[in-house]
Amino acid sequence: MTPPAVHHLAVVVADLARAEAFYAGVLGLPVLRRWTDDAGQPRSVWLELGGGAFLAAELAGAPAPTRGDTAPGWHFVALGIAGDERETWRARLAAASVTVERESAYTLYFRDPDGNLVGLSHWPEACAASPKP
């Protein structure tokens, strides 16, 4: 089995424009794509990290300093896997007593021993048998 590689990092931010100004302007990360919500309001910006990886800055759904999965701070680390290895990874996680908390057509989500959210992702190759994102 191929070892996982970094696929993308996601950080939840209080101010999307400020985050883009920092990551794109200060750090020089190229903007790959901007996303809007159902109302057409900015909700996310994806920035290239190099080597095929990217950083997803996501607009917070909760105010600081409360830190939940949608509050400002690092949200999760996603490691890249091949889509055809998804079920092998699921079995490997189960064998290690790691519970998959949720999943999308692209990613299996679980927590590390400290409670940090981690993902194994094969985007853009969707898994037809998995739920839609």
Protein backbone atom coordinates (compact mmCIF):
# COMPACT_ATOMS: atom_id res chain seq x y z
CA MET A 1 0.00 0.00 0.00
CA THR A 2 1.26 3.48 -0.88
CA PRO A 3 1.87 5.74 2.15
CA PRO A 4 -0.50 8.73 2.35
CA ALA A 5 0.64 12.20 1.27
CA VAL A 6 -0.71 15.65 2.15
CA HIS A 7 -3.76 16.41 0.00
CA HIS A 8 -5.03 19.65 1.60
CA LEU A 9 -5.23 21.60 4.82
CA ALA A 10 -8.39 23.41 5.95
CA VAL A 11 -8.51 26.30 8.32
CA VAL A 12 -11.73 27.90 9.58
CA VAL A 13 -11.40 31.68 9.68
CA ALA A 14 -13.45 34.54 11.14
CA ASP A 15 -12.88 36.85 8.14
CA LEU A 16 -12.44 35.32 4.69
CA ALA A 17 -11.14 38.49 3.00
CA ARG A 18 -8.55 38.98 5.74
CA ALA A 19 -7.48 35.32 5.41
CA GLU A 20 -7.15 35.62 1.64
CA ALA A 21 -5.15 38.83 2.02
CA PHE A 22 -2.75 37.02 4.34
CA TYR A 23 -2.41 33.67 2.56
CA ALA A 24 -2.50 35.03 -1.00
CA GLY A 25 -1.08 38.49 -0.43
CA VAL A 26 1.48 38.00 2.34
CA LEU A 27 2.44 34.38 1.73
CA GLY A 28 1.98 34.49 -2.04
CA LEU A 29 -0.22 31.40 -2.34
CA PRO A 30 -2.08 31.50 -5.67
CA VAL A 31 -5.87 31.46 -5.41
CA LEU A 32 -7.20 28.32 -7.06
CA ARG A 33 -10.93 28.91 -6.59
CA ARG A 34 -13.49 30.90 -4.60
CA TRP A 35 -16.74 29.37 -3.36
CA THR A 36 -20.03 31.01 -2.36
CA ASP A 37 -22.88 29.77 -0.19
CA ASP A 38 -26.45 29.16 -1.36
CA ALA A 39 -27.13 32.90 -0.93
CA GLY A 40 -24.15 33.80 -3.12
CA GLN A 41 -22.02 35.07 -0.22
CA PRO A 42 -18.30 34.18 -0.03
CA ARG A 43 -17.77 31.04 2.07
CA SER A 44 -14.38 29.61 1.04
CA VAL A 45 -11.18 30.25 -0.87
CA TRP A 46 -8.78 27.54 -2.01
CA LEU A 47 -5.08 28.40 -2.22
CA GLU A 48 -2.33 26.36 -3.88
CA LEU A 49 0.35 24.96 -1.57
CA GLY A 50 2.45 23.28 -4.26
CA GLY A 51 3.01 19.63 -4.99
CA GLY A 52 -0.69 19.29 -5.75
CA ALA A 53 -1.75 20.26 -2.20
CA PHE A 54 -3.92 23.25 -1.31
CA LEU A 55 -5.15 25.20 1.68
CA ALA A 56 -8.90 25.69 2.08
CA ALA A 57 -9.78 28.77 4.12
CA GLU A 58 -13.40 28.36 5.26
CA LEU A 59 -15.60 31.07 6.77
CA ALA A 60 -16.44 30.33 10.41
CA GLY A 61 -19.98 29.43 11.40
CA ALA A 62 -19.37 30.25 15.08
CA PRO A 63 -17.71 33.20 16.84
CA ALA A 64 -14.37 32.94 18.62
CA PRO A 65 -13.10 31.98 21.18
CA THR A 66 -15.32 28.86 21.23
CA ARG A 67 -13.49 26.18 19.26
CA GLY A 68 -15.74 23.67 17.62
CA ASP A 69 -15.23 22.09 14.21
CA THR A 70 -16.62 25.22 12.50
CA ALA A 71 -14.89 27.90 14.64
CA PRO A 72 -11.66 29.77 13.72
CA GLY A 73 -8.57 27.56 13.84
CA TRP A 74 -7.16 24.59 12.00
CA HIS A 75 -10.07 22.35 11.07
CA PHE A 76 -8.40 19.16 9.86
CA VAL A 77 -5.48 17.70 7.96
CA ALA A 78 -6.36 15.64 4.88
CA LEU A 79 -3.91 13.07 3.61
CA GLY A 80 -4.09 11.98 -0.02
CA ILE A 81 -4.91 8.39 -0.87
CA ALA A 82 -5.87 6.58 -4.06
CA GLY A 83 -9.61 6.11 -4.51
CA ASP A 84 -9.25 2.38 -5.08
CA GLU A 85 -7.53 2.09 -1.67
CA ARG A 86 -10.42 3.67 0.26
CA GLU A 87 -11.86 0.39 1.58
CA THR A 88 -8.39 -0.91 2.45
CA TRP A 89 -7.85 2.25 4.51
CA ARG A 90 -11.29 1.88 6.12
CA ALA A 91 -10.38 -1.69 7.18
CA ARG A 92 -6.96 -0.57 8.41
CA LEU A 93 -8.58 2.18 10.54
CA ALA A 94 -11.09 -0.30 11.97
CA ALA A 95 -8.31 -2.78 12.78
CA ALA A 96 -6.61 -0.03 14.77
CA SER A 97 -9.89 0.76 16.61
CA VAL A 98 -10.17 4.13 14.85
CA THR A 99 -13.77 5.09 14.18
CA VAL A 100 -14.71 6.82 10.94
CA GLU A 101 -16.93 9.66 12.21
CA ARG A 102 -18.31 10.68 8.83
CA GLU A 103 -17.53 10.49 5.16
CA SER A 104 -18.19 12.10 1.82
CA ALA A 105 -17.75 10.83 -1.70
CA TYR A 106 -14.10 11.92 -1.36
CA THR A 107 -12.95 11.64 2.25
CA LEU A 108 -13.06 9.47 5.36
CA TYR A 109 -12.96 11.60 8.55
CA PHE A 110 -11.69 10.43 11.94
CA ARG A 111 -9.86 11.85 14.96
CA ASP A 112 -6.33 11.44 16.18
CA PRO A 113 -5.68 10.52 19.83
CA ASP A 114 -5.85 14.18 20.83
CA GLY A 115 -9.21 14.69 19.15
CA ASN A 116 -7.92 16.52 16.07
CA LEU A 117 -9.90 15.81 12.93
CA VAL A 118 -7.98 13.96 10.20
CA GLY A 119 -9.09 12.89 6.74
CA LEU A 120 -8.01 10.43 4.08
CA SER A 121 -8.99 11.93 0.75
CA HIS A 122 -8.94 10.98 -2.92
CA TRP A 123 -10.51 14.12 -4.43
CA PRO A 124 -11.28 14.62 -7.33
CA GLU A 125 -11.91 10.92 -7.80
CA ALA A 126 -15.30 10.40 -6.17
CA CYS A 127 -16.24 7.07 -4.65
CA ALA A 128 -19.58 6.15 -6.27
CA ALA A 129 -20.67 4.05 -3.27
CA SER A 130 -20.16 6.90 -0.79
CA PRO A 131 -22.54 9.72 0.13
CA LYS A 132 -22.30 13.00 -1.77
CA PRO A 133 -20.21 15.77 -0.14
